[in-house]
Amino acid sequence: MAPASTGIWTRVLIAARLLPRWLAVTIFTVFQVGADLIPPAARAGGVLGVADQSALTGFWVTDDGNWVVQIKPCSGGFCGQLVGLKVARKTPRIDFHNPDPAKRDRPLCGLILMGGFTPSIDIAQDWVGGWVYNPQNGKTYSGKMWLDGPDTLKVRGYVLIPLFGRVETLTRETGRINRCVR
């Protein structure tokens, strides 16, 4: 067994000698691909530590400009609530794809779309351990998010590990918000 003072990659290489070659190559490949998912600020030698909570709170618009999400502290971390729609509608949009039939008639306006995000202890401007709900398909995913500049937030929803997911880019909204009708 490797002493505690050796680096993580040294310990991985020592452990890899005990595995069949095909399994060791597969594990190494997954770690290499996973390294590409690290936010740019962290790859560029970003400061390690707890994220600035005030940088995350506020109103954020989805990349397509259709939804406005308010991110704020909630019990158990940060959450995001749908508070605005690009196109005002006379009839509210509903959570039609929800897997629970009892919730399919609830309005999307005011719906909590993400929650449970806590600041990473390793990477500044990074929040982990959360969940993301996609009302377009009714599925809930594990999530992580990070600031990619002062006015850009990346949210990654994934299944099992971050490798199996996609990133949604949100932009900070500082102007007037077209609040949706409940």
N, C-alpha and C. Protein backbone atom coordinates (compact mmCIF):
# COMPACT_ATOMS: atom_id res chain seq x y z
N MET A 1 0.84 -1.18 0.00
CA MET A 1 0.00 0.00 0.00
C MET A 1 0.89 1.24 0.00
N ALA A 2 0.43 2.28 -0.70
CA ALA A 2 1.20 3.51 -0.82
C ALA A 2 1.12 4.31 0.46
N PRO A 3 2.23 4.93 0.87
CA PRO A 3 2.17 5.78 2.05
C PRO A 3 1.28 6.99 1.81
N ALA A 4 0.73 7.55 2.88
CA ALA A 4 -0.20 8.67 2.78
C ALA A 4 0.46 9.91 2.18
N SER A 5 1.76 10.00 2.25
CA SER A 5 2.45 11.19 1.76
C SER A 5 2.58 11.22 0.24
N THR A 6 2.35 10.10 -0.44
CA THR A 6 2.47 10.09 -1.89
C THR A 6 1.28 10.78 -2.54
N GLY A 7 1.48 11.29 -3.74
CA GLY A 7 0.41 11.98 -4.45
C GLY A 7 -0.69 11.03 -4.89
N ILE A 8 -1.84 11.60 -5.24
CA ILE A 8 -2.99 10.81 -5.65
C ILE A 8 -2.69 10.00 -6.89
N TRP A 9 -1.98 10.59 -7.88
CA TRP A 9 -1.70 9.85 -9.10
C TRP A 9 -0.73 8.70 -8.86
N THR A 10 0.21 8.87 -7.92
CA THR A 10 1.11 7.78 -7.57
C THR A 10 0.32 6.62 -6.98
N ARG A 11 -0.62 6.95 -6.09
CA ARG A 11 -1.45 5.89 -5.50
C ARG A 11 -2.34 5.23 -6.54
N VAL A 12 -2.84 6.00 -7.52
CA VAL A 12 -3.67 5.43 -8.58
C VAL A 12 -2.83 4.48 -9.42
N LEU A 13 -1.61 4.89 -9.76
CA LEU A 13 -0.75 4.02 -10.57
C LEU A 13 -0.39 2.74 -9.83
N ILE A 14 -0.12 2.83 -8.53
CA ILE A 14 0.18 1.62 -7.74
C ILE A 14 -1.02 0.70 -7.72
N ALA A 15 -2.22 1.27 -7.51
CA ALA A 15 -3.44 0.45 -7.48
C ALA A 15 -3.72 -0.14 -8.86
N ALA A 16 -3.39 0.59 -9.93
CA ALA A 16 -3.66 0.12 -11.29
C ALA A 16 -2.87 -1.14 -11.62
N ARG A 17 -1.71 -1.31 -11.00
CA ARG A 17 -0.92 -2.53 -11.25
C ARG A 17 -1.64 -3.78 -10.79
N LEU A 18 -2.57 -3.61 -9.85
CA LEU A 18 -3.31 -4.76 -9.32
C LEU A 18 -4.54 -5.08 -10.16
N LEU A 19 -4.91 -4.22 -11.09
CA LEU A 19 -6.10 -4.41 -11.91
C LEU A 19 -5.72 -4.99 -13.27
N PRO A 20 -6.68 -5.67 -13.91
CA PRO A 20 -6.42 -6.07 -15.30
C PRO A 20 -6.17 -4.83 -16.15
N ARG A 21 -5.33 -4.96 -17.16
CA ARG A 21 -4.93 -3.81 -17.97
C ARG A 21 -6.13 -3.08 -18.57
N TRP A 22 -7.11 -3.80 -19.10
CA TRP A 22 -8.27 -3.15 -19.74
C TRP A 22 -9.05 -2.31 -18.74
N LEU A 23 -9.16 -2.76 -17.49
CA LEU A 23 -9.89 -2.02 -16.47
C LEU A 23 -9.11 -0.77 -16.05
N ALA A 24 -7.80 -0.90 -15.92
CA ALA A 24 -6.98 0.25 -15.56
C ALA A 24 -7.04 1.32 -16.64
N VAL A 25 -6.98 0.93 -17.92
CA VAL A 25 -7.05 1.89 -19.02
C VAL A 25 -8.42 2.57 -19.03
N THR A 26 -9.49 1.83 -18.79
CA THR A 26 -10.84 2.39 -18.75
C THR A 26 -10.97 3.42 -17.64
N ILE A 27 -10.50 3.10 -16.46
CA ILE A 27 -10.58 4.03 -15.32
C ILE A 27 -9.77 5.29 -15.61
N PHE A 28 -8.56 5.12 -16.13
CA PHE A 28 -7.72 6.27 -16.45
C PHE A 28 -8.40 7.17 -17.49
N THR A 29 -9.02 6.57 -18.51
CA THR A 29 -9.71 7.33 -19.56
C THR A 29 -10.87 8.13 -18.97
N VAL A 30 -11.64 7.52 -18.09
CA VAL A 30 -12.76 8.22 -17.45
C VAL A 30 -12.25 9.42 -16.65
N PHE A 31 -11.14 9.25 -15.92
CA PHE A 31 -10.58 10.37 -15.16
C PHE A 31 -10.08 11.47 -16.08
N GLN A 32 -9.48 11.12 -17.21
CA GLN A 32 -8.99 12.13 -18.15
C GLN A 32 -10.15 12.91 -18.76
N VAL A 33 -11.21 12.20 -19.21
CA VAL A 33 -12.38 12.87 -19.78
C VAL A 33 -13.04 13.72 -18.71
N GLY A 34 -13.13 13.21 -17.50
CA GLY A 34 -13.72 13.97 -16.39
C GLY A 34 -12.96 15.24 -16.10
N ALA A 35 -11.66 15.25 -16.32
CA ALA A 35 -10.86 16.45 -16.09
C ALA A 35 -11.29 17.59 -17.01
N ASP A 36 -11.82 17.25 -18.19
CA ASP A 36 -12.30 18.28 -19.11
C ASP A 36 -13.56 18.96 -18.59
N LEU A 37 -14.22 18.37 -17.61
CA LEU A 37 -15.45 18.94 -17.06
C LEU A 37 -15.17 19.93 -15.94
N ILE A 38 -13.91 20.08 -15.54
CA ILE A 38 -13.56 21.03 -14.49
C ILE A 38 -13.71 22.44 -15.03
N PRO A 39 -14.38 23.32 -14.29
CA PRO A 39 -14.59 24.68 -14.77
C PRO A 39 -13.27 25.36 -15.14
N PRO A 40 -13.29 26.25 -16.15
CA PRO A 40 -12.06 26.90 -16.61
C PRO A 40 -11.31 27.64 -15.52
N ALA A 41 -12.00 28.29 -14.60
CA ALA A 41 -11.31 29.04 -13.54
C ALA A 41 -10.47 28.10 -12.68
N ALA A 42 -10.96 26.89 -12.46
CA ALA A 42 -10.21 25.94 -11.65
C ALA A 42 -9.02 25.40 -12.43
N ARG A 43 -9.20 25.17 -13.75
CA ARG A 43 -8.08 24.67 -14.56
C ARG A 43 -7.00 25.72 -14.70
N ALA A 44 -7.38 26.98 -14.64
CA ALA A 44 -6.42 28.07 -14.80
C ALA A 44 -5.74 28.43 -13.50
N GLY A 45 -5.85 27.57 -12.52
CA GLY A 45 -5.20 27.83 -11.25
C GLY A 45 -6.03 28.72 -10.35
N GLY A 46 -7.37 28.58 -10.46
CA GLY A 46 -8.27 29.37 -9.62
C GLY A 46 -8.00 29.15 -8.15
N VAL A 47 -8.41 30.09 -7.35
CA VAL A 47 -8.19 30.02 -5.92
C VAL A 47 -9.07 28.94 -5.33
N LEU A 48 -8.50 28.10 -4.49
CA LEU A 48 -9.27 27.08 -3.81
C LEU A 48 -9.92 27.67 -2.58
N GLY A 49 -11.12 27.22 -2.31
CA GLY A 49 -11.81 27.71 -1.12
C GLY A 49 -13.29 27.80 -1.35
N VAL A 50 -14.00 28.34 -0.36
CA VAL A 50 -15.44 28.42 -0.41
C VAL A 50 -15.86 29.53 -1.37
N ALA A 51 -16.92 29.26 -2.12
CA ALA A 51 -17.41 30.21 -3.11
C ALA A 51 -18.06 31.42 -2.46
N ASP A 52 -18.01 32.54 -3.17
CA ASP A 52 -18.65 33.77 -2.74
C ASP A 52 -20.15 33.65 -2.98
N GLN A 53 -20.92 33.57 -1.89
CA GLN A 53 -22.36 33.34 -2.01
C GLN A 53 -23.07 34.49 -2.69
N SER A 54 -22.64 35.73 -2.48
CA SER A 54 -23.32 36.87 -3.07
C SER A 54 -23.18 36.88 -4.59
N ALA A 55 -22.14 36.26 -5.12
CA ALA A 55 -21.93 36.22 -6.56
C ALA A 55 -22.98 35.35 -7.25
N LEU A 56 -23.56 34.43 -6.53
CA LEU A 56 -24.52 33.48 -7.11
C LEU A 56 -25.95 34.00 -7.07
N THR A 57 -26.30 34.73 -6.02
CA THR A 57 -27.69 35.16 -5.86
C THR A 57 -28.07 36.19 -6.91
N GLY A 58 -29.32 36.14 -7.32
CA GLY A 58 -29.83 37.09 -8.29
C GLY A 58 -30.69 36.42 -9.33
N PHE A 59 -30.94 37.14 -10.40
CA PHE A 59 -31.78 36.67 -11.49
C PHE A 59 -30.91 36.26 -12.66
N TRP A 60 -31.22 35.10 -13.23
CA TRP A 60 -30.43 34.53 -14.31
C TRP A 60 -31.37 34.11 -15.44
N VAL A 61 -30.97 34.39 -16.68
CA VAL A 61 -31.77 34.08 -17.85
C VAL A 61 -31.15 32.89 -18.58
N THR A 62 -31.99 31.95 -19.01
CA THR A 62 -31.49 30.80 -19.75
C THR A 62 -30.91 31.25 -21.09
N ASP A 63 -30.09 30.39 -21.67
CA ASP A 63 -29.39 30.70 -22.91
C ASP A 63 -30.35 31.07 -24.04
N ASP A 64 -31.50 30.41 -24.11
CA ASP A 64 -32.47 30.71 -25.15
C ASP A 64 -33.32 31.94 -24.82
N GLY A 65 -33.16 32.48 -23.60
CA GLY A 65 -33.87 33.68 -23.19
C GLY A 65 -35.31 33.46 -22.80
N ASN A 66 -35.74 32.21 -22.72
CA ASN A 66 -37.14 31.94 -22.43
C ASN A 66 -37.51 32.02 -20.96
N TRP A 67 -36.60 31.68 -20.06
CA TRP A 67 -36.92 31.60 -18.64
C TRP A 67 -36.00 32.49 -17.83
N VAL A 68 -36.55 33.06 -16.74
CA VAL A 68 -35.76 33.79 -15.77
C VAL A 68 -35.83 32.99 -14.46
N VAL A 69 -34.67 32.67 -13.92
CA VAL A 69 -34.57 31.88 -12.69
C VAL A 69 -33.95 32.76 -11.62
N GLN A 70 -34.59 32.80 -10.46
CA GLN A 70 -34.02 33.53 -9.32
C GLN A 70 -33.30 32.53 -8.43
N ILE A 71 -32.00 32.76 -8.23
CA ILE A 71 -31.21 31.89 -7.36
C ILE A 71 -31.01 32.61 -6.05
N LYS A 72 -31.31 31.89 -4.96
CA LYS A 72 -31.23 32.48 -3.62
C LYS A 72 -30.93 31.38 -2.61
N PRO A 73 -30.48 31.77 -1.41
CA PRO A 73 -30.27 30.77 -0.37
C PRO A 73 -31.60 30.16 0.05
N CYS A 74 -31.61 28.86 0.22
CA CYS A 74 -32.78 28.13 0.70
C CYS A 74 -32.30 27.16 1.78
N SER A 75 -33.21 26.48 2.42
CA SER A 75 -32.79 25.49 3.41
C SER A 75 -32.00 24.39 2.70
N GLY A 76 -30.84 24.07 3.22
CA GLY A 76 -30.00 23.04 2.64
C GLY A 76 -29.14 23.50 1.48
N GLY A 77 -29.02 24.80 1.25
CA GLY A 77 -28.16 25.29 0.17
C GLY A 77 -28.85 26.35 -0.67
N PHE A 78 -28.46 26.43 -1.94
CA PHE A 78 -29.05 27.39 -2.85
C PHE A 78 -30.09 26.70 -3.72
N CYS A 79 -31.13 27.45 -4.09
CA CYS A 79 -32.15 26.92 -4.98
C CYS A 79 -32.44 27.93 -6.07
N GLY A 80 -33.08 27.48 -7.12
CA GLY A 80 -33.46 28.34 -8.23
C GLY A 80 -34.94 28.19 -8.52
N GLN A 81 -35.64 29.31 -8.58
CA GLN A 81 -37.08 29.32 -8.79
C GLN A 81 -37.40 30.03 -10.10
N LEU A 82 -38.30 29.46 -10.89
CA LEU A 82 -38.72 30.08 -12.13
C LEU A 82 -39.62 31.27 -11.80
N VAL A 83 -39.18 32.47 -12.17
CA VAL A 83 -39.94 33.68 -11.82
C VAL A 83 -40.35 34.49 -13.05
N GLY A 84 -39.83 34.16 -14.23
CA GLY A 84 -40.18 34.94 -15.40
C GLY A 84 -40.13 34.12 -16.67
N LEU A 85 -40.96 34.53 -17.61
CA LEU A 85 -41.01 33.90 -18.93
C LEU A 85 -40.80 34.97 -19.99
N LYS A 86 -40.13 34.59 -21.07
CA LYS A 86 -39.85 35.55 -22.13
C LYS A 86 -41.15 36.08 -22.75
N VAL A 87 -42.05 35.17 -23.01
CA VAL A 87 -43.31 35.54 -23.63
C VAL A 87 -44.41 35.48 -22.58
N ALA A 88 -45.06 36.62 -22.33
CA ALA A 88 -46.17 36.64 -21.37
C ALA A 88 -47.35 35.90 -21.98
N ARG A 89 -48.00 35.10 -21.16
CA ARG A 89 -49.14 34.31 -21.62
C ARG A 89 -50.35 34.60 -20.74
N LYS A 90 -51.52 34.53 -21.34
CA LYS A 90 -52.75 34.74 -20.57
C LYS A 90 -53.04 33.54 -19.68
N THR A 91 -52.72 32.36 -20.18
CA THR A 91 -52.92 31.15 -19.38
C THR A 91 -51.55 30.66 -18.93
N PRO A 92 -51.43 30.29 -17.67
CA PRO A 92 -50.11 29.85 -17.19
C PRO A 92 -49.70 28.51 -17.78
N ARG A 93 -48.39 28.38 -18.04
CA ARG A 93 -47.85 27.08 -18.48
C ARG A 93 -47.86 26.14 -17.29
N ILE A 94 -48.10 24.88 -17.52
CA ILE A 94 -48.20 23.91 -16.43
C ILE A 94 -47.09 22.87 -16.54
N ASP A 95 -46.88 22.15 -15.44
CA ASP A 95 -45.84 21.12 -15.33
C ASP A 95 -46.36 19.81 -15.93
N PHE A 96 -46.67 19.84 -17.21
CA PHE A 96 -47.34 18.76 -17.92
C PHE A 96 -46.59 17.44 -17.90
N HIS A 97 -45.27 17.46 -17.92
CA HIS A 97 -44.46 16.23 -18.01
C HIS A 97 -44.06 15.65 -16.66
N ASN A 98 -44.57 16.19 -15.57
CA ASN A 98 -44.18 15.70 -14.25
C ASN A 98 -44.55 14.22 -14.12
N PRO A 99 -43.64 13.39 -13.57
CA PRO A 99 -43.93 11.97 -13.43
C PRO A 99 -45.07 11.70 -12.42
N ASP A 100 -45.34 12.64 -11.53
CA ASP A 100 -46.43 12.50 -10.57
C ASP A 100 -47.70 13.11 -11.17
N PRO A 101 -48.69 12.30 -11.53
CA PRO A 101 -49.91 12.83 -12.16
C PRO A 101 -50.60 13.92 -11.34
N ALA A 102 -50.47 13.89 -10.03
CA ALA A 102 -51.11 14.90 -9.17
C ALA A 102 -50.47 16.28 -9.33
N LYS A 103 -49.24 16.33 -9.86
CA LYS A 103 -48.53 17.61 -10.00
C LYS A 103 -48.55 18.15 -11.43
N ARG A 104 -49.20 17.45 -12.34
CA ARG A 104 -49.15 17.85 -13.75
C ARG A 104 -49.95 19.11 -14.07
N ASP A 105 -50.82 19.53 -13.16
CA ASP A 105 -51.59 20.73 -13.44
C ASP A 105 -51.08 21.95 -12.67
N ARG A 106 -49.94 21.82 -11.96
CA ARG A 106 -49.39 22.97 -11.25
C ARG A 106 -48.68 23.89 -12.24
N PRO A 107 -48.76 25.20 -12.01
CA PRO A 107 -48.10 26.14 -12.94
C PRO A 107 -46.58 26.08 -12.82
N LEU A 108 -45.91 26.31 -13.94
CA LEU A 108 -44.45 26.37 -13.93
C LEU A 108 -43.97 27.62 -13.20
N CYS A 109 -44.75 28.69 -13.27
CA CYS A 109 -44.38 29.93 -12.60
C CYS A 109 -44.28 29.68 -11.09
N GLY A 110 -43.14 30.01 -10.52
CA GLY A 110 -42.92 29.80 -9.10
C GLY A 110 -42.34 28.44 -8.76
N LEU A 111 -42.19 27.57 -9.74
CA LEU A 111 -41.68 26.23 -9.53
C LEU A 111 -40.19 26.27 -9.18
N ILE A 112 -39.79 25.50 -8.18
CA ILE A 112 -38.37 25.37 -7.83
C ILE A 112 -37.75 24.39 -8.84
N LEU A 113 -36.83 24.89 -9.64
CA LEU A 113 -36.20 24.09 -10.69
C LEU A 113 -34.89 23.45 -10.27
N MET A 114 -34.27 23.99 -9.20
CA MET A 114 -33.01 23.43 -8.73
C MET A 114 -32.87 23.70 -7.24
N GLY A 115 -32.12 22.87 -6.57
CA GLY A 115 -31.93 23.06 -5.14
C GLY A 115 -30.81 22.21 -4.58
N GLY A 116 -30.49 22.45 -3.31
CA GLY A 116 -29.49 21.67 -2.61
C GLY A 116 -28.05 21.97 -2.96
N PHE A 117 -27.78 23.05 -3.70
CA PHE A 117 -26.40 23.37 -4.09
C PHE A 117 -25.67 24.01 -2.92
N THR A 118 -24.51 23.47 -2.60
CA THR A 118 -23.68 24.01 -1.52
C THR A 118 -22.32 24.39 -2.09
N PRO A 119 -21.67 25.39 -1.50
CA PRO A 119 -20.35 25.80 -2.00
C PRO A 119 -19.35 24.65 -1.92
N SER A 120 -18.55 24.52 -2.95
CA SER A 120 -17.49 23.52 -2.97
C SER A 120 -16.40 23.95 -2.00
N ILE A 121 -15.83 22.99 -1.30
CA ILE A 121 -14.72 23.31 -0.41
C ILE A 121 -13.40 23.32 -1.17
N ASP A 122 -13.41 22.81 -2.41
CA ASP A 122 -12.18 22.70 -3.19
C ASP A 122 -11.99 23.83 -4.21
N ILE A 123 -13.08 24.27 -4.83
CA ILE A 123 -12.96 25.22 -5.93
C ILE A 123 -13.86 26.43 -5.66
N ALA A 124 -13.26 27.61 -5.66
CA ALA A 124 -14.04 28.83 -5.48
C ALA A 124 -14.99 29.01 -6.66
N GLN A 125 -16.13 29.65 -6.42
CA GLN A 125 -17.14 29.90 -7.45
C GLN A 125 -17.71 28.62 -8.04
N ASP A 126 -17.78 27.57 -7.22
CA ASP A 126 -18.29 26.27 -7.64
C ASP A 126 -19.27 25.79 -6.59
N TRP A 127 -20.44 25.30 -7.02
CA TRP A 127 -21.45 24.78 -6.09
C TRP A 127 -21.79 23.37 -6.52
N VAL A 128 -21.88 22.46 -5.57
CA VAL A 128 -22.02 21.04 -5.86
C VAL A 128 -23.14 20.42 -5.04
N GLY A 129 -23.42 19.15 -5.33
CA GLY A 129 -24.36 18.37 -4.52
C GLY A 129 -25.81 18.73 -4.71
N GLY A 130 -26.15 19.40 -5.78
CA GLY A 130 -27.52 19.83 -5.98
C GLY A 130 -28.29 18.93 -6.92
N TRP A 131 -29.50 19.35 -7.22
CA TRP A 131 -30.37 18.66 -8.17
C TRP A 131 -30.99 19.70 -9.10
N VAL A 132 -31.34 19.24 -10.31
CA VAL A 132 -31.94 20.11 -11.32
C VAL A 132 -33.16 19.39 -11.89
N TYR A 133 -34.30 20.08 -11.89
CA TYR A 133 -35.53 19.52 -12.48
C TYR A 133 -35.75 20.13 -13.85
N ASN A 134 -36.01 19.30 -14.84
CA ASN A 134 -36.26 19.75 -16.20
C ASN A 134 -37.75 19.57 -16.50
N PRO A 135 -38.54 20.64 -16.47
CA PRO A 135 -39.98 20.49 -16.72
C PRO A 135 -40.30 20.12 -18.17
N GLN A 136 -39.33 20.21 -19.07
CA GLN A 136 -39.58 19.85 -20.46
C GLN A 136 -39.65 18.34 -20.66
N ASN A 137 -39.09 17.56 -19.71
CA ASN A 137 -39.21 16.11 -19.80
C ASN A 137 -39.64 15.48 -18.47
N GLY A 138 -39.79 16.29 -17.41
CA GLY A 138 -40.25 15.78 -16.13
C GLY A 138 -39.22 14.99 -15.34
N LYS A 139 -37.94 15.13 -15.69
CA LYS A 139 -36.89 14.36 -15.01
C LYS A 139 -36.07 15.26 -14.09
N THR A 140 -35.57 14.67 -13.02
CA THR A 140 -34.70 15.36 -12.07
C THR A 140 -33.31 14.74 -12.17
N TYR A 141 -32.30 15.61 -12.21
CA TYR A 141 -30.92 15.17 -12.39
C TYR A 141 -30.06 15.66 -11.22
N SER A 142 -28.94 15.02 -11.00
CA SER A 142 -27.93 15.55 -10.09
C SER A 142 -27.36 16.79 -10.75
N GLY A 143 -26.82 17.71 -9.93
CA GLY A 143 -26.33 18.93 -10.54
C GLY A 143 -25.13 19.53 -9.85
N LYS A 144 -24.42 20.34 -10.61
CA LYS A 144 -23.33 21.17 -10.10
C LYS A 144 -23.36 22.44 -10.92
N MET A 145 -22.82 23.52 -10.40
CA MET A 145 -22.79 24.77 -11.15
C MET A 145 -21.57 25.58 -10.76
N TRP A 146 -21.17 26.47 -11.67
CA TRP A 146 -20.00 27.30 -11.43
C TRP A 146 -20.15 28.60 -12.21
N LEU A 147 -19.52 29.63 -11.67
CA LEU A 147 -19.48 30.92 -12.36
C LEU A 147 -18.36 30.87 -13.40
N ASP A 148 -18.68 31.28 -14.60
CA ASP A 148 -17.71 31.35 -15.69
C ASP A 148 -17.59 32.82 -16.07
N GLY A 149 -17.18 33.63 -15.11
CA GLY A 149 -17.16 35.08 -15.25
C GLY A 149 -18.21 35.67 -14.32
N PRO A 150 -18.22 36.98 -14.14
CA PRO A 150 -19.13 37.59 -13.18
C PRO A 150 -20.60 37.50 -13.56
N ASP A 151 -20.91 37.37 -14.87
CA ASP A 151 -22.30 37.37 -15.31
C ASP A 151 -22.70 36.13 -16.08
N THR A 152 -21.93 35.04 -15.96
CA THR A 152 -22.24 33.80 -16.65
C THR A 152 -22.20 32.66 -15.64
N LEU A 153 -23.29 31.89 -15.59
CA LEU A 153 -23.39 30.75 -14.69
C LEU A 153 -23.61 29.50 -15.53
N LYS A 154 -22.79 28.50 -15.28
CA LYS A 154 -22.94 27.21 -15.97
C LYS A 154 -23.58 26.23 -14.99
N VAL A 155 -24.65 25.58 -15.43
CA VAL A 155 -25.35 24.58 -14.62
C VAL A 155 -25.28 23.26 -15.37
N ARG A 156 -24.74 22.24 -14.72
CA ARG A 156 -24.62 20.92 -15.35
C ARG A 156 -25.55 19.96 -14.64
N GLY A 157 -26.51 19.43 -15.39
CA GLY A 157 -27.38 18.36 -14.90
C GLY A 157 -26.86 17.05 -15.44
N TYR A 158 -26.83 16.03 -14.59
CA TYR A 158 -26.25 14.77 -15.05
C TYR A 158 -26.86 13.57 -14.35
N VAL A 159 -26.60 12.40 -14.93
CA VAL A 159 -27.03 11.12 -14.37
C VAL A 159 -25.77 10.38 -13.92
N LEU A 160 -25.73 9.94 -12.69
CA LEU A 160 -24.62 9.19 -12.08
C LEU A 160 -23.36 10.04 -11.89
N ILE A 161 -22.68 10.41 -12.99
CA ILE A 161 -21.46 11.21 -12.89
C ILE A 161 -21.57 12.38 -13.87
N PRO A 162 -20.86 13.49 -13.63
CA PRO A 162 -20.97 14.65 -14.50
C PRO A 162 -20.67 14.37 -15.98
N LEU A 163 -19.96 13.30 -16.26
CA LEU A 163 -19.65 12.94 -17.64
C LEU A 163 -20.93 12.72 -18.44
N PHE A 164 -21.97 12.18 -17.78
CA PHE A 164 -23.23 11.86 -18.45
C PHE A 164 -24.26 12.95 -18.19
N GLY A 165 -24.11 14.07 -18.86
CA GLY A 165 -25.03 15.18 -18.67
C GLY A 165 -24.79 16.28 -19.68
N ARG A 166 -25.41 17.43 -19.41
CA ARG A 166 -25.22 18.58 -20.30
C ARG A 166 -25.19 19.85 -19.49
N VAL A 167 -24.62 20.88 -20.09
CA VAL A 167 -24.46 22.17 -19.42
C VAL A 167 -25.46 23.16 -20.01
N GLU A 168 -26.12 23.88 -19.12
CA GLU A 168 -26.99 25.00 -19.51
C GLU A 168 -26.28 26.27 -19.08
N THR A 169 -26.21 27.25 -19.97
CA THR A 169 -25.56 28.53 -19.67
C THR A 169 -26.62 29.56 -19.32
N LEU A 170 -26.46 30.20 -18.17
CA LEU A 170 -27.36 31.26 -17.73
C LEU A 170 -26.58 32.57 -17.68
N THR A 171 -27.26 33.67 -17.99
CA THR A 171 -26.65 34.99 -17.97
C THR A 171 -27.37 35.84 -16.94
N ARG A 172 -26.59 36.61 -16.18
CA ARG A 172 -27.18 37.45 -15.15
C ARG A 172 -28.10 38.50 -15.78
N GLU A 173 -29.28 38.65 -15.21
CA GLU A 173 -30.25 39.64 -15.67
C GLU A 173 -30.25 40.80 -14.68
N THR A 174 -29.95 41.99 -15.18
CA THR A 174 -29.92 43.16 -14.30
C THR A 174 -31.01 44.15 -14.64
N GLY A 175 -31.69 43.92 -15.75
CA GLY A 175 -32.75 44.84 -16.17
C GLY A 175 -34.12 44.42 -15.66
N ARG A 176 -35.13 44.93 -16.31
CA ARG A 176 -36.51 44.62 -15.95
C ARG A 176 -36.81 43.16 -16.26
N ILE A 177 -37.55 42.53 -15.36
CA ILE A 177 -37.88 41.11 -15.52
C ILE A 177 -39.37 40.98 -15.82
N ASN A 178 -39.69 40.25 -16.86
CA ASN A 178 -41.08 39.99 -17.21
C ASN A 178 -41.58 38.84 -16.33
N ARG A 179 -42.10 39.19 -15.17
CA ARG A 179 -42.54 38.17 -14.22
C ARG A 179 -43.70 37.38 -14.80
N CYS A 180 -43.67 36.06 -14.55
CA CYS A 180 -44.73 35.22 -15.07
C CYS A 180 -45.96 35.28 -14.15
N VAL A 181 -47.09 34.88 -14.70
CA VAL A 181 -48.36 34.93 -13.98
C VAL A 181 -48.66 33.55 -13.41
N ARG A 182 -49.03 33.52 -12.15
CA ARG A 182 -49.37 32.23 -11.53
C ARG A 182 -50.82 31.92 -11.72
